[in-house]
């Protein structure tokens, strides 16, 4: 990955400083941003903007989230490197790549076949081959590989998808933006020995989560 990392090195460093200025303090998360070349996960036409703290179009009516959102998600999870993680919405594959720097096992689901293939190619260009991917309805989760220590949902849901809650390990946590199609609040759901807790976090804005337990297409 040395050659891809040398490209846009100055821009990547400025992005990391910007994330720190916006309150991201987890050194492991910041190092992951330094390790993963974001420009490989966006279309060539917007590569010059890859290190702006802004969402960018990636085709198929989807976007790559702004870096601060990815960083905030990962900082909230406080991963130790030992976790089994399920990502709902592979998207560009950038967050997937970040997760491989922070967790032990990463499973990722994408509903759009072409986008899943593009993400697989980008991950391969970074030398990342140990992510387990599938195309399917992310609102159903992936019970065959559960339970999970962390589940990240990268799209907005009208409510917390129950199948994802069911696939959390005891002590595990789920991050999901919940609300309407235009405005949501990030929820953290934790499984405890005795049940579930829900915590409202930041206001967010994501594309809708399409599926049996999300929005209809």
Protein backbone atom coordinates (compact mmCIF):
# COMPACT_ATOMS: atom_id res chain seq x y z
CA UNK A 1 0.00 0.00 0.00
CA UNK A 2 3.06 2.27 0.05
CA UNK A 3 2.42 3.93 -3.33
CA UNK A 4 -1.27 4.72 -2.67
CA UNK A 5 -0.33 6.13 0.73
CA UNK A 6 2.28 8.48 -0.74
CA UNK A 7 -0.38 10.05 -2.96
CA UNK A 8 -2.25 12.93 -1.34
CA UNK A 9 -0.06 12.57 1.79
CA UNK A 10 -0.29 16.26 2.64
CA UNK A 11 -4.04 16.36 2.11
CA UNK A 12 -4.50 13.29 4.31
CA UNK A 13 -2.44 14.87 7.07
CA UNK A 14 -4.54 18.05 6.89
CA UNK A 15 -7.72 15.98 7.13
CA UNK A 16 -6.47 14.23 10.26
CA UNK A 17 -5.63 17.61 11.82
CA UNK A 18 -9.12 18.83 10.90
CA UNK A 19 -10.69 15.77 12.55
CA UNK A 20 -8.66 16.43 15.69
CA UNK A 21 -9.82 20.05 15.63
CA UNK A 22 -13.43 18.80 15.51
CA UNK A 23 -12.94 16.69 18.63
CA UNK A 24 -11.78 13.29 17.39
CA UNK A 25 -9.17 12.22 19.94
CA UNK A 26 -8.94 8.42 19.62
CA UNK A 27 -5.40 7.80 18.38
CA UNK A 28 -6.26 4.38 16.94
CA UNK A 29 -9.03 5.93 14.83
CA UNK A 30 -6.77 8.73 13.63
CA UNK A 31 -4.06 6.22 12.72
CA UNK A 32 -6.60 4.22 10.73
CA UNK A 33 -7.37 7.36 8.72
CA UNK A 34 -3.65 7.80 8.15
CA UNK A 35 -3.30 4.17 7.01
CA UNK A 36 -6.22 4.02 4.56
CA UNK A 37 -6.05 6.01 1.27
CA UNK A 38 -9.56 7.46 0.96
CA UNK A 39 -8.95 8.54 -2.64
CA UNK A 40 -9.05 4.87 -3.71
CA UNK A 41 -12.65 4.63 -2.48
CA UNK A 42 -14.16 7.49 -4.50
CA UNK A 43 -14.72 7.86 -8.27
CA UNK A 44 -11.80 9.30 -10.24
CA UNK A 45 -13.80 12.45 -11.00
CA UNK A 46 -13.86 13.46 -7.33
CA UNK A 47 -10.50 12.06 -6.19
CA UNK A 48 -9.15 15.61 -5.86
CA UNK A 49 -11.75 16.13 -3.10
CA UNK A 50 -11.14 12.82 -1.33
CA UNK A 51 -9.59 14.43 1.76
CA UNK A 52 -12.17 17.14 2.28
CA UNK A 53 -14.32 16.61 5.35
CA UNK A 54 -17.39 16.24 3.19
CA UNK A 55 -19.63 13.50 1.78
CA UNK A 56 -19.02 12.67 -1.88
CA UNK A 57 -21.10 10.89 -4.54
CA UNK A 58 -20.02 7.33 -5.34
CA UNK A 59 -22.71 6.48 -7.91
CA UNK A 60 -25.88 4.40 -7.64
CA UNK A 61 -27.55 7.33 -5.77
CA UNK A 62 -25.23 6.70 -2.82
CA UNK A 63 -22.54 8.73 -1.03
CA UNK A 64 -19.41 8.14 0.98
CA UNK A 65 -20.03 9.77 4.36
CA UNK A 66 -17.93 12.72 5.45
CA UNK A 67 -14.79 11.58 7.28
CA UNK A 68 -15.93 13.12 10.58
CA UNK A 69 -19.01 10.87 10.58
CA UNK A 70 -16.91 7.75 10.05
CA UNK A 71 -14.45 8.89 12.70
CA UNK A 72 -17.24 9.64 15.18
CA UNK A 73 -18.83 6.22 14.63
CA UNK A 74 -15.53 4.48 15.23
CA UNK A 75 -14.61 6.59 18.24
CA UNK A 76 -17.99 5.87 19.85
CA UNK A 77 -17.42 2.14 19.44
CA UNK A 78 -14.02 2.32 21.19
CA UNK A 79 -12.89 -0.92 19.55
CA UNK A 80 -10.01 -2.80 21.16
CA UNK A 81 -8.93 -4.92 18.17
CA UNK A 82 -10.58 -8.11 19.40
CA UNK A 83 -14.14 -7.55 18.18
CA UNK A 84 -16.29 -9.28 15.59
CA UNK A 85 -17.99 -6.44 13.68
CA UNK A 86 -20.92 -6.36 11.25
CA UNK A 87 -21.19 -3.41 8.88
CA UNK A 88 -24.56 -2.71 7.26
CA UNK A 89 -23.97 -0.83 4.02
CA UNK A 90 -20.52 -1.50 2.59
CA UNK A 91 -20.92 1.51 0.33
CA UNK A 92 -17.55 2.64 -0.99
CA UNK A 93 -15.71 0.22 1.30
CA UNK A 94 -13.81 3.02 3.05
CA UNK A 95 -15.33 2.46 6.49
CA UNK A 96 -14.85 -1.26 5.93
CA UNK A 97 -11.13 -0.65 5.42
CA UNK A 98 -10.97 1.51 8.56
CA UNK A 99 -12.64 -1.27 10.54
CA UNK A 100 -9.98 -3.77 9.49
CA UNK A 101 -7.45 -1.57 11.33
CA UNK A 102 -9.54 -1.53 14.51
CA UNK A 103 -11.30 -4.91 14.87
CA UNK A 104 -10.46 -8.59 14.63
CA UNK A 105 -13.13 -9.74 12.13
CA UNK A 106 -15.19 -7.61 9.74
CA UNK A 107 -18.36 -8.76 7.96
CA UNK A 108 -20.04 -6.34 5.55
CA UNK A 109 -23.36 -6.37 3.67
CA UNK A 110 -24.28 -4.22 0.66
CA UNK A 111 -27.62 -4.36 -1.15
CA UNK A 112 -26.37 -2.92 -4.50
CA UNK A 113 -24.32 -5.56 -6.37
CA UNK A 114 -22.31 -3.09 -8.49
CA UNK A 115 -21.37 -1.05 -5.44
CA UNK A 116 -20.33 -4.17 -3.57
CA UNK A 117 -18.07 -5.15 -6.45
CA UNK A 118 -16.51 -1.68 -6.61
CA UNK A 119 -15.86 -1.78 -2.87
CA UNK A 120 -14.27 -5.21 -3.20
CA UNK A 121 -11.94 -3.87 -5.89
CA UNK A 122 -10.97 -0.84 -3.78
CA UNK A 123 -10.27 -3.03 -0.77
CA UNK A 124 -8.13 -5.27 -2.96
CA UNK A 125 -6.18 -2.25 -4.23
CA UNK A 126 -5.37 -1.54 -0.57
CA UNK A 127 -4.21 -5.10 0.00
CA UNK A 128 -7.21 -5.92 2.20
CA UNK A 129 -8.48 -9.41 1.49
CA UNK A 130 -9.79 -10.62 4.86
CA UNK A 131 -13.17 -8.85 4.88
CA UNK A 132 -16.14 -11.20 4.49
CA UNK A 133 -18.67 -9.55 2.15
CA UNK A 134 -22.08 -10.39 0.79
CA UNK A 135 -24.84 -8.77 -1.25
CA UNK A 136 -28.21 -8.76 0.46
CA UNK A 137 -30.72 -7.05 2.72
CA UNK A 138 -28.69 -5.54 5.53
CA UNK A 139 -31.74 -5.04 7.74
CA UNK A 140 -31.79 -8.82 8.21
CA UNK A 141 -28.20 -8.88 9.40
CA UNK A 142 -26.03 -11.95 8.94
CA UNK A 143 -26.96 -14.40 11.72
CA UNK A 144 -24.69 -17.16 10.47
CA UNK A 145 -21.62 -15.25 11.66
CA UNK A 146 -23.10 -13.71 14.81
CA UNK A 147 -23.31 -12.75 17.51
CA UNK A 148 -21.40 -9.50 16.97
CA UNK A 149 -19.59 -7.26 19.39
CA UNK A 150 -20.45 -4.23 17.26
CA UNK A 151 -22.87 -3.51 14.42
CA UNK A 152 -22.64 -0.29 12.39
CA UNK A 153 -25.50 0.82 10.17
CA UNK A 154 -24.46 3.31 7.51
CA UNK A 155 -27.96 4.36 6.42
CA UNK A 156 -31.06 5.83 8.06
CA UNK A 157 -33.75 3.52 9.41
CA UNK A 158 -37.31 4.39 10.52
CA UNK A 159 -36.63 2.31 13.64
CA UNK A 160 -33.96 0.00 15.01
CA UNK A 161 -34.08 -3.22 12.93
CA UNK A 162 -34.93 -5.99 15.37
CA UNK A 163 -32.87 -8.69 13.58
CA UNK A 164 -29.75 -6.59 14.20
CA UNK A 165 -30.57 -6.22 17.88
CA UNK A 166 -31.05 -10.00 18.07
CA UNK A 167 -27.56 -10.54 16.62
CA UNK A 168 -25.73 -8.48 19.25
CA UNK A 169 -23.51 -10.33 21.69
CA UNK A 170 -23.90 -9.59 25.40
CA UNK A 171 -21.90 -6.42 25.92
CA UNK A 172 -22.21 -5.60 22.23
CA UNK A 173 -23.38 -2.33 20.76
CA UNK A 174 -25.29 -1.21 17.68
CA UNK A 175 -25.03 2.24 16.10
CA UNK A 176 -27.90 3.21 13.79
CA UNK A 177 -29.34 6.55 12.59
CA UNK A 178 -33.08 6.50 13.25
CA UNK A 179 -35.71 8.92 11.98
CA UNK A 180 -37.26 10.07 8.71
CA UNK A 181 -35.69 10.07 5.28
CA UNK A 182 -34.29 13.59 5.71
CA UNK A 183 -33.27 13.84 9.35
CA UNK A 184 -32.22 11.32 11.96
CA UNK A 185 -30.60 10.93 15.35
CA UNK A 186 -27.83 8.42 15.97
CA UNK A 187 -28.86 5.76 18.49
CA UNK A 188 -26.58 3.44 20.42
CA UNK A 189 -28.20 0.17 21.48
CA UNK A 190 -26.33 -1.98 23.99
CA UNK A 191 -27.11 -5.56 24.98
CA UNK A 192 -26.63 -6.21 28.67
CA UNK A 193 -27.02 -9.36 30.75
CA UNK A 194 -30.56 -8.26 31.59
CA UNK A 195 -31.80 -6.59 28.40
CA UNK A 196 -31.17 -3.58 26.15
CA UNK A 197 -30.37 0.08 26.64
CA UNK A 198 -30.85 2.89 24.10
CA UNK A 199 -28.90 6.17 24.07
CA UNK A 200 -29.60 9.13 21.79
CA UNK A 201 -26.40 10.66 20.40
CA UNK A 202 -25.78 13.16 17.58
CA UNK A 203 -28.13 14.41 14.89
CA UNK A 204 -27.21 12.82 11.54
CA UNK A 205 -28.28 12.79 7.91
CA UNK A 206 -27.91 9.57 5.89
CA UNK A 207 -29.35 7.99 2.80
CA UNK A 208 -32.29 5.68 3.64
CA UNK A 209 -31.78 2.08 4.71
CA UNK A 210 -33.77 -0.03 2.23
CA UNK A 211 -34.99 -3.44 3.29
CA UNK A 212 -37.55 -5.54 5.11
CA UNK A 213 -36.90 -3.72 8.40
CA UNK A 214 -36.03 -0.35 6.88
CA UNK A 215 -37.62 1.91 4.29
CA UNK A 216 -39.31 0.57 1.18
CA UNK A 217 -37.56 1.35 -2.09
